[in-house]
Structures are given as C-alpha cells and as structure tokens.
Protein backbone atom coordinates (compact mmCIF):
# COMPACT_ATOMS: atom_id res chain seq x y z
CA UNK A 1 26.64 -10.01 11.32
CA UNK A 2 25.27 -12.43 13.58
CA UNK A 3 26.02 -12.76 17.16
CA UNK A 4 26.12 -15.56 19.68
CA UNK A 5 22.91 -15.55 21.95
CA UNK A 6 25.18 -15.97 25.30
CA UNK A 7 27.06 -12.72 24.44
CA UNK A 8 27.39 -9.72 22.30
CA UNK A 9 30.50 -11.02 20.49
CA UNK A 10 29.99 -12.08 16.66
CA UNK A 11 30.22 -15.47 15.96
CA UNK A 12 33.22 -15.25 13.68
CA UNK A 13 35.12 -13.84 16.77
CA UNK A 14 33.94 -16.88 18.49
CA UNK A 15 35.01 -19.16 15.61
CA UNK A 16 38.43 -17.54 15.55
CA UNK A 17 38.96 -18.02 19.11
CA UNK A 18 38.15 -21.65 18.71
CA UNK A 19 40.56 -22.09 15.84
CA UNK A 20 43.39 -20.27 17.70
CA UNK A 21 43.05 -22.41 20.68
CA UNK A 22 43.07 -25.65 18.34
CA UNK A 23 46.11 -24.32 16.69
CA UNK A 24 47.77 -23.94 20.23
CA UNK A 25 46.64 -27.18 21.26
CA UNK A 26 48.19 -28.55 18.12
CA UNK A 27 51.53 -26.96 18.39
CA UNK A 28 51.63 -28.32 22.14
CA UNK A 29 50.71 -31.88 21.03
CA UNK A 30 53.42 -31.37 18.74
CA UNK A 31 56.10 -30.86 21.24
CA UNK A 32 54.55 -33.49 23.58
CA UNK A 33 52.35 -31.56 25.54
CA UNK A 34 48.65 -30.62 26.46
CA UNK A 35 47.23 -27.62 28.05
CA UNK A 36 46.69 -29.27 31.19
CA UNK A 37 50.41 -30.42 31.30
CA UNK A 38 51.47 -26.86 31.38
CA UNK A 39 50.30 -26.20 34.76
CA UNK A 40 52.68 -29.33 35.95
CA UNK A 41 55.70 -27.32 34.62
CA UNK A 42 57.74 -24.45 35.79
CA UNK A 43 56.18 -21.48 35.28
CA UNK A 44 58.94 -20.09 32.91
CA UNK A 45 58.86 -23.03 30.74
CA UNK A 46 54.91 -22.97 30.49
CA UNK A 47 55.16 -19.37 29.63
CA UNK A 48 57.73 -20.05 26.81
CA UNK A 49 55.80 -22.75 25.44
CA UNK A 50 52.77 -20.85 25.32
CA UNK A 51 54.51 -17.96 23.61
CA UNK A 52 55.77 -20.34 21.11
CA UNK A 53 52.25 -21.57 20.76
CA UNK A 54 50.67 -18.24 20.43
CA UNK A 55 53.34 -17.38 17.80
CA UNK A 56 52.53 -20.39 15.70
CA UNK A 57 48.82 -19.91 15.95
CA UNK A 58 49.00 -16.08 14.84
CA UNK A 59 51.14 -17.12 11.99
CA UNK A 60 48.64 -19.65 10.84
CA UNK A 61 45.60 -17.55 11.48
CA UNK A 62 47.23 -14.67 9.50
CA UNK A 63 48.01 -17.25 6.59
CA UNK A 64 44.54 -18.55 6.47
CA UNK A 65 43.16 -14.87 6.53
CA UNK A 66 45.41 -13.95 3.58
CA UNK A 67 44.30 -16.93 1.69
CA UNK A 68 40.45 -16.00 2.40
CA UNK A 69 41.15 -12.53 1.19
CA UNK A 70 43.07 -13.74 -2.03
CA UNK A 71 40.24 -15.97 -2.85
CA UNK A 72 37.80 -13.24 -2.31
CA UNK A 73 39.58 -11.02 -4.75
CA UNK A 74 39.66 -13.78 -7.20
CA UNK A 75 35.79 -14.38 -6.63
CA UNK A 76 35.35 -10.46 -7.16
CA UNK A 77 37.45 -10.26 -10.25
CA UNK A 78 35.48 -13.30 -11.58
CA UNK A 79 32.05 -11.88 -10.92
CA UNK A 80 32.89 -8.38 -11.72
CA UNK A 81 32.30 -6.90 -8.28
C-alpha cells in the first residue's frame, strides 16, 4: 500500500478522511450550515449537529465499503479467484 509523502499514513486513509469530511459538509449544507457556521452556534447545538453529521457520514461510508466488498466478491467469483 502506498503512503503519503508528507506522513506515514496510507493514501487510502487520507482519501477516506477527505470523503468523510465531504459527507459531513454535505449533511451540514442540507441543514443550512457550513463548518464555519458551527463556531457561531451555541456549543451544545454545534456538538449535536456534528454528532448527527458524523453518524450520517459513518453510515454512508459503511454503505460504500459494503458495496465495494460486494463488487470485489462478484469480481472474484467471475475471475475464479
């Protein structure tokens, strides 16, 4: 597995983090907020929104990972691996 030149984390972890942040931002946008807006909100409200956004992002990431796993299984079955 290749790594990022700036640190020792694998590139896939960096891509995962970028996707997770994009999903969080999409959730917040759907609620009418940006990450910057959270700093202006009361702490409890900002934490609640981030909790909801994190749960949303985690669910979407799990869904994507499951689909990728399923496609890999189909590929392996087709190629006989």
